[in-house]
Amino acid sequence: MKEIRLKDAKATLSAVVDQAVHGNPAIITRHGRKEAVVLSFEEYEKLKHVPSFGRLLASYPGDDDDIPPRGHKPSRMIDL
């Protein structure tokens, strides 16, 4: 993903948007820091519907005791 300074992005916004639409998003920097990303609306829609890790865990269909407690070490190794 290419980086572009905010000043340059303002001057070439149409080209930056065209590149994003064609699958080449750009990171906008201000004073050397990454501040924003320009990406296509289609790509944004895909990302918007990706569940967070927390939501994935919360939707786990098993029982509470199916997941070992944090820090738990299995008593034996399982051969695959």
Protein backbone atom coordinates (compact mmCIF):
# COMPACT_ATOMS: atom_id res chain seq x y z
CA MET A 1 0.00 0.00 0.00
CA LYS A 2 1.50 3.31 -0.98
CA GLU A 3 1.82 6.23 1.39
CA ILE A 4 1.01 9.75 0.32
CA ARG A 5 1.35 13.02 2.20
CA LEU A 6 -1.91 14.80 2.97
CA LYS A 7 -0.77 17.83 0.98
CA ASP A 8 -0.15 15.65 -2.09
CA ALA A 9 -3.40 13.72 -1.59
CA LYS A 10 -5.34 16.99 -1.61
CA ALA A 11 -3.69 18.05 -4.86
CA THR A 12 -4.36 14.70 -6.55
CA LEU A 13 -7.49 13.49 -4.77
CA SER A 14 -9.22 12.33 -7.94
CA ALA A 15 -6.24 10.14 -8.87
CA VAL A 16 -5.96 8.80 -5.30
CA VAL A 17 -9.64 7.79 -5.38
CA ASP A 18 -9.29 6.24 -8.85
CA GLN A 19 -6.35 4.15 -7.62
CA ALA A 20 -8.35 3.00 -4.58
CA VAL A 21 -11.29 1.99 -6.76
CA HIS A 22 -8.90 -0.09 -8.86
CA GLY A 23 -7.63 -1.99 -5.81
CA ASN A 24 -4.71 0.22 -4.75
CA PRO A 25 -5.60 1.93 -1.47
CA ALA A 26 -3.38 4.69 -0.10
CA ILE A 27 -2.25 5.57 3.40
CA ILE A 28 -2.51 9.31 4.04
CA THR A 29 0.25 10.70 6.25
CA ARG A 30 0.38 13.99 8.11
CA HIS A 31 3.68 15.18 9.56
CA GLY A 32 5.12 11.72 8.89
CA ARG A 33 2.41 9.87 10.86
CA LYS A 34 -0.13 7.53 9.29
CA GLU A 35 -3.51 9.22 9.74
CA ALA A 36 -6.02 7.68 7.31
CA VAL A 37 -6.56 5.20 4.50
CA VAL A 38 -8.36 5.78 1.21
CA LEU A 39 -9.90 2.57 -0.07
CA SER A 40 -12.76 1.68 -2.37
CA PHE A 41 -16.28 1.62 -1.00
CA GLU A 42 -16.50 -2.04 -2.04
CA GLU A 43 -13.45 -2.88 0.09
CA TYR A 44 -14.86 -0.85 2.99
CA GLU A 45 -18.14 -2.80 2.81
CA LYS A 46 -16.23 -6.10 3.01
CA LEU A 47 -14.23 -4.95 6.03
CA LYS A 48 -17.28 -3.51 7.76
CA HIS A 49 -18.88 -6.95 7.97
CA VAL A 50 -15.87 -8.83 9.34
CA PRO A 51 -16.67 -9.70 12.96
CA SER A 52 -14.24 -8.80 15.69
CA PHE A 53 -12.35 -11.57 17.47
CA GLY A 54 -14.45 -10.88 20.57
CA ARG A 55 -17.68 -11.39 18.62
CA LEU A 56 -16.33 -14.62 17.16
CA LEU A 57 -15.54 -15.89 20.66
CA ALA A 58 -18.92 -14.76 21.98
CA SER A 59 -20.68 -16.68 19.20
CA TYR A 60 -18.83 -19.95 19.97
CA PRO A 61 -21.56 -22.62 20.02
CA GLY A 62 -19.88 -24.90 22.59
CA ASP A 63 -20.23 -25.05 26.34
CA ASP A 64 -18.15 -22.93 28.71
CA ASP A 65 -16.14 -25.95 29.82
CA ASP A 66 -15.13 -26.77 26.21
CA ILE A 67 -12.51 -24.02 26.38
CA PRO A 68 -9.71 -24.59 28.89
CA PRO A 69 -9.02 -21.76 31.34
CA ARG A 70 -6.29 -19.29 30.45
CA GLY A 71 -2.83 -20.60 31.32
CA HIS A 72 -4.06 -24.21 31.37
CA LYS A 73 -1.52 -26.72 30.07
CA PRO A 74 -2.83 -29.99 28.63
CA SER A 75 -1.92 -33.06 30.67
CA ARG A 76 -0.94 -35.00 27.57
CA MET A 77 -0.01 -34.30 23.98
CA ILE A 78 -2.34 -35.40 21.22
CA ASP A 79 -0.76 -37.01 18.16
CA LEU A 80 -2.23 -35.85 14.88
